[in-house]
Amino acid sequence: HEILRGGYEKAYEAGVIITGGHTIEDTE
């Protein structure tokens, strides 16, 4: 949640709307 929150903060500052996304499982 914190990673996504940080991304949202910068997007908001840039005037960008995050409309969704995709997540998969990985070792890192």
PDB file of all heavy atoms in Angstrom:
ATOM      1  N   HIS A   1       0.827  -1.205   0.000  1.00  0.00           N
ATOM      2  CA  HIS A   1       0.000   0.000   0.000  1.00  0.00           C
ATOM      3  C   HIS A   1       0.867   1.264   0.000  1.00  0.00           C
ATOM      4  O   HIS A   1       0.544   2.256  -0.671  1.00  0.00           O
ATOM      5  CB  HIS A   1      -0.933   0.003   1.219  1.00  0.00           C
ATOM      6  CG  HIS A   1      -1.991  -1.045   1.144  1.00  0.00           C
ATOM      7  ND1 HIS A   1      -2.833  -1.334   2.202  1.00  0.00           N
ATOM      8  CD2 HIS A   1      -2.352  -1.875   0.147  1.00  0.00           C
ATOM      9  CE1 HIS A   1      -3.665  -2.296   1.853  1.00  0.00           C
ATOM     10  NE2 HIS A   1      -3.385  -2.646   0.615  1.00  0.00           N
ATOM     11  N   GLU A   2       1.969   1.230   0.759  1.00  0.00           N
ATOM     12  CA  GLU A   2       2.838   2.402   0.841  1.00  0.00           C
ATOM     13  C   GLU A   2       3.508   2.696  -0.497  1.00  0.00           C
ATOM     14  O   GLU A   2       3.664   3.852  -0.887  1.00  0.00           O
ATOM     15  CB  GLU A   2       3.896   2.190   1.930  1.00  0.00           C
ATOM     16  CG  GLU A   2       3.361   2.297   3.349  1.00  0.00           C
ATOM     17  CD  GLU A   2       2.790   3.680   3.637  1.00  0.00           C
ATOM     18  OE1 GLU A   2       3.512   4.671   3.457  1.00  0.00           O
ATOM     19  OE2 GLU A   2       1.611   3.765   4.027  1.00  0.00           O
ATOM     20  N   ILE A   3       3.951   1.667  -1.216  1.00  0.00           N
ATOM     21  CA  ILE A   3       4.545   1.878  -2.542  1.00  0.00           C
ATOM     22  C   ILE A   3       3.526   2.530  -3.469  1.00  0.00           C
ATOM     23  O   ILE A   3       3.818   3.520  -4.154  1.00  0.00           O
ATOM     24  CB  ILE A   3       5.035   0.541  -3.134  1.00  0.00           C
ATOM     25  CG1 ILE A   3       6.226   0.004  -2.328  1.00  0.00           C
ATOM     26  CG2 ILE A   3       5.432   0.717  -4.605  1.00  0.00           C
ATOM     27  CD1 ILE A   3       6.641  -1.411  -2.708  1.00  0.00           C
ATOM     28  N   LEU A   4       2.315   1.989  -3.474  1.00  0.00           N
ATOM     29  CA  LEU A   4       1.268   2.545  -4.337  1.00  0.00           C
ATOM     30  C   LEU A   4       0.901   3.961  -3.917  1.00  0.00           C
ATOM     31  O   LEU A   4       0.632   4.824  -4.766  1.00  0.00           O
ATOM     32  CB  LEU A   4       0.034   1.645  -4.300  1.00  0.00           C
ATOM     33  CG  LEU A   4       0.213   0.255  -4.924  1.00  0.00           C
ATOM     34  CD1 LEU A   4      -1.010  -0.615  -4.641  1.00  0.00           C
ATOM     35  CD2 LEU A   4       0.454   0.363  -6.425  1.00  0.00           C
ATOM     36  N   ARG A   5       0.917   4.208  -2.616  1.00  0.00           N
ATOM     37  CA  ARG A   5       0.608   5.550  -2.117  1.00  0.00           C
ATOM     38  C   ARG A   5       1.677   6.551  -2.584  1.00  0.00           C
ATOM     39  O   ARG A   5       1.361   7.669  -2.979  1.00  0.00           O
ATOM     40  CB  ARG A   5       0.502   5.537  -0.592  1.00  0.00           C
ATOM     41  CG  ARG A   5       0.045   6.881  -0.003  1.00  0.00           C
ATOM     42  CD  ARG A   5      -0.177   6.761   1.496  1.00  0.00           C
ATOM     43  NE  ARG A   5      -1.343   5.950   1.802  1.00  0.00           N
ATOM     44  CZ  ARG A   5      -1.316   4.756   2.389  1.00  0.00           C
ATOM     45  NH1 ARG A   5      -0.149   4.230   2.754  1.00  0.00           N
ATOM     46  NH2 ARG A   5      -2.412   4.088   2.631  1.00  0.00           N
ATOM     47  N   GLY A   6       2.944   6.141  -2.536  1.00  0.00           N
ATOM     48  CA  GLY A   6       4.014   7.015  -3.002  1.00  0.00           C
ATOM     49  C   GLY A   6       3.882   7.330  -4.486  1.00  0.00           C
ATOM     50  O   GLY A   6       4.078   8.474  -4.907  1.00  0.00           O
ATOM     51  N   GLY A   7       3.543   6.317  -5.283  1.00  0.00           N
ATOM     52  CA  GLY A   7       3.332   6.550  -6.710  1.00  0.00           C
ATOM     53  C   GLY A   7       2.174   7.488  -6.964  1.00  0.00           C
ATOM     54  O   GLY A   7       2.245   8.380  -7.829  1.00  0.00           O
ATOM     55  N   TYR A   8       1.103   7.306  -6.193  1.00  0.00           N
ATOM     56  CA  TYR A   8      -0.063   8.179  -6.342  1.00  0.00           C
ATOM     57  C   TYR A   8       0.288   9.625  -6.015  1.00  0.00           C
ATOM     58  O   TYR A   8      -0.162  10.554  -6.699  1.00  0.00           O
ATOM     59  CB  TYR A   8      -1.200   7.694  -5.440  1.00  0.00           C
ATOM     60  CG  TYR A   8      -2.357   8.670  -5.376  1.00  0.00           C
ATOM     61  CD1 TYR A   8      -3.294   8.715  -6.408  1.00  0.00           C
ATOM     62  CD2 TYR A   8      -2.494   9.552  -4.314  1.00  0.00           C
ATOM     63  CE1 TYR A   8      -4.342   9.627  -6.371  1.00  0.00           C
ATOM     64  CE2 TYR A   8      -3.534  10.453  -4.266  1.00  0.00           C
ATOM     65  CZ  TYR A   8      -4.456  10.495  -5.288  1.00  0.00           C
ATOM     66  OH  TYR A   8      -5.475  11.409  -5.257  1.00  0.00           O
ATOM     67  N   GLU A   9       1.091   9.833  -4.974  1.00  0.00           N
ATOM     68  CA  GLU A   9       1.467  11.203  -4.586  1.00  0.00           C
ATOM     69  C   GLU A   9       2.143  11.939  -5.731  1.00  0.00           C
ATOM     70  O   GLU A   9       1.847  13.109  -6.001  1.00  0.00           O
ATOM     71  CB  GLU A   9       2.400  11.154  -3.370  1.00  0.00           C
ATOM     72  CG  GLU A   9       1.716  10.796  -2.062  1.00  0.00           C
ATOM     73  CD  GLU A   9       2.716  10.709  -0.920  1.00  0.00           C
ATOM     74  OE1 GLU A   9       3.930  10.879  -1.168  1.00  0.00           O
ATOM     75  OE2 GLU A   9       2.284  10.475   0.223  1.00  0.00           O
ATOM     76  N   LYS A  10       3.089  11.264  -6.408  1.00  0.00           N
ATOM     77  CA  LYS A  10       3.808  11.907  -7.510  1.00  0.00           C
ATOM     78  C   LYS A  10       2.900  12.104  -8.718  1.00  0.00           C
ATOM     79  O   LYS A  10       2.974  13.117  -9.411  1.00  0.00           O
ATOM     80  CB  LYS A  10       5.040  11.088  -7.891  1.00  0.00           C
ATOM     81  CG  LYS A  10       6.224  11.374  -7.010  1.00  0.00           C
ATOM     82  CD  LYS A  10       6.715  12.802  -7.209  1.00  0.00           C
ATOM     83  CE  LYS A  10       7.206  13.400  -5.914  1.00  0.00           C
ATOM     84  NZ  LYS A  10       7.673  14.784  -6.062  1.00  0.00           N
ATOM     85  N   ALA A  11       2.039  11.126  -8.967  1.00  0.00           N
ATOM     86  CA  ALA A  11       1.099  11.263 -10.076  1.00  0.00           C
ATOM     87  C   ALA A  11       0.172  12.450  -9.844  1.00  0.00           C
ATOM     88  O   ALA A  11      -0.082  13.256 -10.744  1.00  0.00           O
ATOM     89  CB  ALA A  11       0.295   9.975 -10.242  1.00  0.00           C
ATOM     90  N   TYR A  12      -0.315  12.568  -8.615  1.00  0.00           N
ATOM     91  CA  TYR A  12      -1.200  13.687  -8.276  1.00  0.00           C
ATOM     92  C   TYR A  12      -0.480  15.012  -8.460  1.00  0.00           C
ATOM     93  O   TYR A  12      -1.044  15.969  -9.012  1.00  0.00           O
ATOM     94  CB  TYR A  12      -1.682  13.533  -6.835  1.00  0.00           C
ATOM     95  CG  TYR A  12      -2.653  14.609  -6.390  1.00  0.00           C
ATOM     96  CD1 TYR A  12      -4.015  14.497  -6.682  1.00  0.00           C
ATOM     97  CD2 TYR A  12      -2.207  15.730  -5.699  1.00  0.00           C
ATOM     98  CE1 TYR A  12      -4.913  15.489  -6.279  1.00  0.00           C
ATOM     99  CE2 TYR A  12      -3.095  16.712  -5.296  1.00  0.00           C
ATOM    100  CZ  TYR A  12      -4.436  16.596  -5.593  1.00  0.00           C
ATOM    101  OH  TYR A  12      -5.309  17.575  -5.200  1.00  0.00           O
ATOM    102  N   GLU A  13       0.769  15.079  -8.003  1.00  0.00           N
ATOM    103  CA  GLU A  13       1.557  16.304  -8.166  1.00  0.00           C
ATOM    104  C   GLU A  13       1.730  16.657  -9.642  1.00  0.00           C
ATOM    105  O   GLU A  13       1.744  17.833 -10.011  1.00  0.00           O
ATOM    106  CB  GLU A  13       2.927  16.123  -7.511  1.00  0.00           C
ATOM    107  CG  GLU A  13       3.825  17.347  -7.581  1.00  0.00           C
ATOM    108  CD  GLU A  13       5.185  17.097  -6.983  1.00  0.00           C
ATOM    109  OE1 GLU A  13       5.331  16.180  -6.146  1.00  0.00           O
ATOM    110  OE2 GLU A  13       6.136  17.818  -7.349  1.00  0.00           O
ATOM    111  N   ALA A  14       1.843  15.626 -10.486  1.00  0.00           N
ATOM    112  CA  ALA A  14       2.044  15.850 -11.919  1.00  0.00           C
ATOM    113  C   ALA A  14       0.732  16.105 -12.660  1.00  0.00           C
ATOM    114  O   ALA A  14       0.747  16.393 -13.860  1.00  0.00           O
ATOM    115  CB  ALA A  14       2.745  14.635 -12.533  1.00  0.00           C
ATOM    116  N   GLY A  15      -0.395  15.982 -11.969  1.00  0.00           N
ATOM    117  CA  GLY A  15      -1.682  16.148 -12.632  1.00  0.00           C
ATOM    118  C   GLY A  15      -2.090  14.925 -13.425  1.00  0.00           C
ATOM    119  O   GLY A  15      -2.839  15.014 -14.398  1.00  0.00           O
ATOM    120  N   VAL A  16      -1.614  13.757 -12.988  1.00  0.00           N
ATOM    121  CA  VAL A  16      -1.858  12.495 -13.691  1.00  0.00           C
ATOM    122  C   VAL A  16      -2.875  11.665 -12.917  1.00  0.00           C
ATOM    123  O   VAL A  16      -2.817  11.581 -11.686  1.00  0.00           O
ATOM    124  CB  VAL A  16      -0.539  11.703 -13.841  1.00  0.00           C
ATOM    125  CG1 VAL A  16      -0.796  10.301 -14.366  1.00  0.00           C
ATOM    126  CG2 VAL A  16       0.412  12.450 -14.764  1.00  0.00           C
ATOM    127  N   ILE A  17      -3.781  11.043 -13.635  1.00  0.00           N
ATOM    128  CA  ILE A  17      -4.767  10.144 -13.032  1.00  0.00           C
ATOM    129  C   ILE A  17      -4.290   8.700 -13.206  1.00  0.00           C
ATOM    130  O   ILE A  17      -4.044   8.263 -14.333  1.00  0.00           O
ATOM    131  CB  ILE A  17      -6.153  10.309 -13.697  1.00  0.00           C
ATOM    132  CG1 ILE A  17      -6.658  11.744 -13.537  1.00  0.00           C
ATOM    133  CG2 ILE A  17      -7.152   9.322 -13.097  1.00  0.00           C
ATOM    134  CD1 ILE A  17      -7.901  12.040 -14.357  1.00  0.00           C
ATOM    135  N   ILE A  18      -4.133   7.974 -12.097  1.00  0.00           N
ATOM    136  CA  ILE A  18      -3.822   6.548 -12.173  1.00  0.00           C
ATOM    137  C   ILE A  18      -5.138   5.788 -12.312  1.00  0.00           C
ATOM    138  O   ILE A  18      -5.974   5.795 -11.412  1.00  0.00           O
ATOM    139  CB  ILE A  18      -3.037   6.077 -10.937  1.00  0.00           C
ATOM    140  CG1 ILE A  18      -1.659   6.759 -10.904  1.00  0.00           C
ATOM    141  CG2 ILE A  18      -2.876   4.556 -10.956  1.00  0.00           C
ATOM    142  CD1 ILE A  18      -0.783   6.342  -9.733  1.00  0.00           C
ATOM    143  N   THR A  19      -5.317   5.134 -13.460  1.00  0.00           N
ATOM    144  CA  THR A  19      -6.620   4.552 -13.798  1.00  0.00           C
ATOM    145  C   THR A  19      -6.702   3.058 -13.518  1.00  0.00           C
ATOM    146  O   THR A  19      -7.716   2.432 -13.831  1.00  0.00           O
ATOM    147  CB  THR A  19      -6.930   4.794 -15.291  1.00  0.00           C
ATOM    148  OG1 THR A  19      -5.880   4.225 -16.079  1.00  0.00           O
ATOM    149  CG2 THR A  19      -7.021   6.278 -15.586  1.00  0.00           C
ATOM    150  N   GLY A  20      -5.651   2.480 -12.955  1.00  0.00           N
ATOM    151  CA  GLY A  20      -5.666   1.052 -12.665  1.00  0.00           C
ATOM    152  C   GLY A  20      -4.250   0.511 -12.718  1.00  0.00           C
ATOM    153  O   GLY A  20      -3.293   1.227 -12.420  1.00  0.00           O
ATOM    154  N   GLY A  21      -4.109  -0.738 -13.106  1.00  0.00           N
ATOM    155  CA  GLY A  21      -2.783  -1.310 -13.206  1.00  0.00           C
ATOM    156  C   GLY A  21      -2.816  -2.818 -13.190  1.00  0.00           C
ATOM    157  O   GLY A  21      -3.875  -3.441 -13.326  1.00  0.00           O
ATOM    158  N   HIS A  22      -1.635  -3.426 -13.003  1.00  0.00           N
ATOM    159  CA  HIS A  22      -1.551  -4.880 -12.991  1.00  0.00           C
ATOM    160  C   HIS A  22      -0.443  -5.304 -12.037  1.00  0.00           C
ATOM    161  O   HIS A  22       0.631  -4.706 -12.008  1.00  0.00           O
ATOM    162  CB  HIS A  22      -1.265  -5.419 -14.396  1.00  0.00           C
ATOM    163  CG  HIS A  22      -1.368  -6.908 -14.496  1.00  0.00           C
ATOM    164  ND1 HIS A  22      -2.538  -7.596 -14.268  1.00  0.00           N
ATOM    165  CD2 HIS A  22      -0.427  -7.851 -14.777  1.00  0.00           C
ATOM    166  CE1 HIS A  22      -2.329  -8.897 -14.430  1.00  0.00           C
ATOM    167  NE2 HIS A  22      -1.051  -9.079 -14.731  1.00  0.00           N
ATOM    168  N   THR A  23      -0.709  -6.336 -11.261  1.00  0.00           N
ATOM    169  CA  THR A  23       0.243  -6.843 -10.275  1.00  0.00           C
ATOM    170  C   THR A  23       0.415  -8.342 -10.470  1.00  0.00           C
ATOM    171  O   THR A  23      -0.567  -9.059 -10.670  1.00  0.00           O
ATOM    172  CB  THR A  23      -0.264  -6.574  -8.842  1.00  0.00           C
ATOM    173  OG1 THR A  23      -0.471  -5.184  -8.668  1.00  0.00           O
ATOM    174  CG2 THR A  23       0.752  -7.045  -7.819  1.00  0.00           C
ATOM    175  N   ILE A  24       1.677  -8.808 -10.415  1.00  0.00           N
ATOM    176  CA  ILE A  24       1.952 -10.231 -10.452  1.00  0.00           C
ATOM    177  C   ILE A  24       2.915 -10.574  -9.315  1.00  0.00           C
ATOM    178  O   ILE A  24       3.553  -9.695  -8.739  1.00  0.00           O
ATOM    179  CB  ILE A  24       2.546 -10.693 -11.794  1.00  0.00           C
ATOM    180  CG1 ILE A  24       3.904 -10.020 -12.045  1.00  0.00           C
ATOM    181  CG2 ILE A  24       1.586 -10.414 -12.934  1.00  0.00           C
ATOM    182  CD1 ILE A  24       4.635 -10.593 -13.252  1.00  0.00           C
ATOM    183  N   GLU A  25       3.022 -11.853  -9.024  1.00  0.00           N
ATOM    184  CA  GLU A  25       3.930 -12.306  -7.969  1.00  0.00           C
ATOM    185  C   GLU A  25       5.312 -12.573  -8.543  1.00  0.00           C
ATOM    186  O   GLU A  25       5.454 -13.118  -9.647  1.00  0.00           O
ATOM    187  CB  GLU A  25       3.368 -13.575  -7.325  1.00  0.00           C
ATOM    188  CG  GLU A  25       4.087 -13.984  -6.057  1.00  0.00           C
ATOM    189  CD  GLU A  25       3.421 -15.166  -5.391  1.00  0.00           C
ATOM    190  OE1 GLU A  25       2.350 -14.967  -4.770  1.00  0.00           O
ATOM    191  OE2 GLU A  25       3.956 -16.286  -5.519  1.00  0.00           O
ATOM    192  N   ASP A  26       6.344 -12.183  -7.817  1.00  0.00           N
ATOM    193  CA  ASP A  26       7.721 -12.384  -8.256  1.00  0.00           C
ATOM    194  C   ASP A  26       8.587 -12.565  -7.007  1.00  0.00           C
ATOM    195  O   ASP A  26       8.139 -12.318  -5.882  1.00  0.00           O
ATOM    196  CB  ASP A  26       8.193 -11.181  -9.076  1.00  0.00           C
ATOM    197  CG  ASP A  26       9.406 -11.497  -9.944  1.00  0.00           C
ATOM    198  OD1 ASP A  26       9.959 -12.615  -9.810  1.00  0.00           O
ATOM    199  OD2 ASP A  26       9.822 -10.630 -10.732  1.00  0.00           O
ATOM    200  N   THR A  27       9.829 -12.966  -7.199  1.00  0.00           N
ATOM    201  CA  THR A  27      10.722 -13.153  -6.054  1.00  0.00           C
ATOM    202  C   THR A  27      11.175 -11.824  -5.462  1.00  0.00           C
ATOM    203  O   THR A  27      11.560 -11.749  -4.301  1.00  0.00           O
ATOM    204  CB  THR A  27      11.957 -13.958  -6.468  1.00  0.00           C
ATOM    205  OG1 THR A  27      12.603 -13.305  -7.570  1.00  0.00           O
ATOM    206  CG2 THR A  27      11.550 -15.366  -6.891  1.00  0.00           C
ATOM    207  N   GLU A  28      11.129 -10.747  -6.262  1.00  0.00           N
ATOM    208  CA  GLU A  28      11.575  -9.437  -5.815  1.00  0.00           C
ATOM    209  C   GLU A  28      10.520  -8.395  -6.171  1.00  0.00           C
ATOM    210  O   GLU A  28       9.986  -8.427  -7.276  1.00  0.00           O
ATOM    211  CB  GLU A  28      12.901  -9.075  -6.493  1.00  0.00           C
ATOM    212  CG  GLU A  28      13.509  -7.759  -6.019  1.00  0.00           C
ATOM    213  CD  GLU A  28      14.845  -7.482  -6.690  1.00  0.00           C
ATOM    214  OE1 GLU A  28      15.056  -7.937  -7.821  1.00  0.00           O
ATOM    215  OE2 GLU A  28      15.677  -6.792  -6.078  1.00  0.00           O
TER     216      GLU A  28
END
